[in-house]
């Protein structure tokens, strides 16, 4: 029994010695670990909360969109672009606002909303889509050089056919028929032959005939 007590006493002394050497450091490490885990959980909760709030505002925007009131739609979209600019909902809200602006004839604000997407959206495909929209607005305003400049940027290959088609439209409007013909042909080469869009672009090219 005495031997057992002695062994226990030695173990206790060993633990006390170890704690004297490393106890403070261990406490600091464990505290830091708990704080880190707690912070991660808090950050995760915060992100989930932000995501839900952004989703709720986007649903509200879709409801406001039914009013066809560009001012109200822009006000609703602004709640997302200013309050949750890094969310995936924000650029889509700006896109809805831009569409409402175009329908209301406010092309200046439409382009501002679309430019916001280029400046803030994280999805490259959104940038490509928005440049097509901007080029379309500039085409309607007969700002052909600006429209072409908007499209003369690097874009995903999946948009090549659409970009070439839009360039063709701009060049036709600018009465640069030879260049338009080349752009339409480039679009046809990129678009799927089974798509209706391919047929539409082919019709545009055929309509040009051999005119210069």
Foldseek 3Di string as FASTA:
>chain_A
DVVVVVVVVVVVVVVVVVCVVCVVVVVVVVVVVVVVVVVVVVVVVVVVVLQVVLVVLLVVLVVVLVVLPLVSLVVSLCCCCVVPVQDPSNLVSLQSSLVSCVVVVNNVSSLVSLVSCVVGPPDLVSLLVSLLVNLVSCLVVLVLVVSLVSLPDDGDLLCQLVSLQSNLSSCVSVVVNVSSLVSLVSSLVSDDPPDPVNVVSVVVNVVSPPPD
